[in-house]
Structure formats: structure tokens, C-alpha cells
Amino acid sequence: MSEPIAYTGDLGIVKDDGNNKSGLSEKASVFLKILIVFLLLCLLGQLCYYIFIIPAHSVPRFVVSGIETVTSDEIVDMAGVEASAPWSEIDILQINRNLSLYPVFESVNVKKVFPDTISIDVVERKTAVMALISMAGRSVPVHIDRNGVIFKIGNDMDMDGAFFISGLNLENARVGDRISPELKNILSSLSELQEKYPELCSLISEVKIEKRDYGDYELVLYPVYTPIPVRTKGILTERVLRYVILVLDIVEGFDIKIEELDFRSGTVAYRSKEGR
């Protein structure tokens, strides 16, 4: 059998040499192997850079969430992180402890996000009730959250729908103090009302907390639109508050000088200014 030939026009006839093809194939294979090794080395270098170089030498990037009244820069200052500390040396447990020292935060969660991020998520305390104390001859507001923690004193008078309360001894109060645990349920009920029914709560200008002789507590509500105070049990509910507003609207038309309405028994009683 004759060997295959290829026609090349005017150049004549040449033989098809199989060795040339195999040589080219080997060169292509070697080049491909070199390329693969090169790419793998580049990938390995990138991995080493991200795993070892960036964490060990880069200044961490802080991502803060949950803030309402403080700024991200203030959070970083509170965290107590050294400006030159690399990401790998950051102690997130210490950051968590540092931030937890500030009463303005109800909860703090700090975690590392590879390769150079510190994530800080905070929940700020919200004002459930406000009170007034005397400092340097003037009255200043005290902000108390639903758990009875005093987290802000003397900043602003913006009540933001919170109840104004009286009847508590707060003259020596400091930021971070807790009021009596016995009042926690009362504060929680007021906070829940404020969050769910702000328009209803806006009809009450003041809530006075009074301790009864046998240790229980009761409330005296002072409405905005009438001088008649209302006495209730210590735990105020939405149903009771609506009932109070309804009765106040009704008695406004009575020709009776009412000194106080009493809702403690579940039915309405009143004491007139004539003592009846």
C-alpha cells in the first residue's frame, strides 16, 4: 500500500510525516501542563494572601448594625480597639465586654467575618417611661427602659410617646442603676402599651406609682384633657385604659365634682369632692 500524500500546488508532492504531528502534540501538552501549574501557583498565592497576609496585616473594617442614637464611629471608640491592631489580633470577647459596659445597649453581638471584617450588632434600650430628678437646682429627665434600667439622664425631654411617671425615689439615681425589681411588670406593661397603642397613651399626661401598705402597687393616671385622676391596679392593660377613657368622656357631662375615679375592683367607683 502506498503512503498518503498531500498536494501543495506548484510545490509538488511531499510526504505526510506522522512524527511532526506527535512532536507538536507533545509541545502542546507540555505547554498546557506549564499553564495549569502556573494557574495553580497563582491560585495558591491568592489563597495564602487572603488566609495569612490580609488577616495578619490589614486594619479591620467595622460593620455596625442596630444603631439608632449613636454613630458607628462612637461604637468603634466604645469598643476600645487599638487603631493599629490587625484583624487577626482583635479580641471580639473583649469588644463585647467593653460595649456591654454602656447601659445604652440592651444587647451586643460581636463576630469576626473573614478576612478583615468585624461585625457589631447592637440593640439599644428604648425609653419605656421617663421621670424627673433635681440636679444642680434644675429638673432633668431620667430615661428608664422596660426592664427598669436607667440608661440615660439629663439628655433631652423628647418623650417619644413614653409615659411620664412619678412616685419613685430617684434622687440618687445614676446611669446603669436598676429600679426595684418589683416594678418590672408594671414597666413592661406600660412599655407594651406605648409600643402598640401610642395614640391611646398620649391621652395620659402622667402615671403616678404608689405602694400600698401591704406591699402591692397601684397606679394613679392623670389624663391630658380632664383634671379627674384615675386609680387602677398596678398592671395597666389596653382594655382597662380604653375603659378609663370611655368613662372619663361620660362623666364629663355629669353635674358632679369628682375628685377621683377608682377602677381597681373592675367596676367604676368615684369619690366626689363633697366626700360622697
Foldseek 3Di string as FASTA:
>chain_A
DDADWDDDPPVGIDGDDPVVVVVVVVVVVVVVVVVVVVVVVVVVVVVCCQPPVQQQFPAADEDEDQDDPDDPVVLVVQLVDDRRHGNNPDDQVSSLVSVVVQLQFPHWDWDDDGDGYIYIYTHGFDFQEWEWEDDPRDIWIFGAGLQQAGRDIRDDDPCLLHAYEDADPCHVPDHGDGDDNLLNQLSNLSSVCSVPPSVLSLQWHYWYWDADPVGAIKIWTQGDPDREIEIEHSRDHPVVSVVVVVVVVVCVPPPFAWNYWYCHVVDIDTAGPVGD
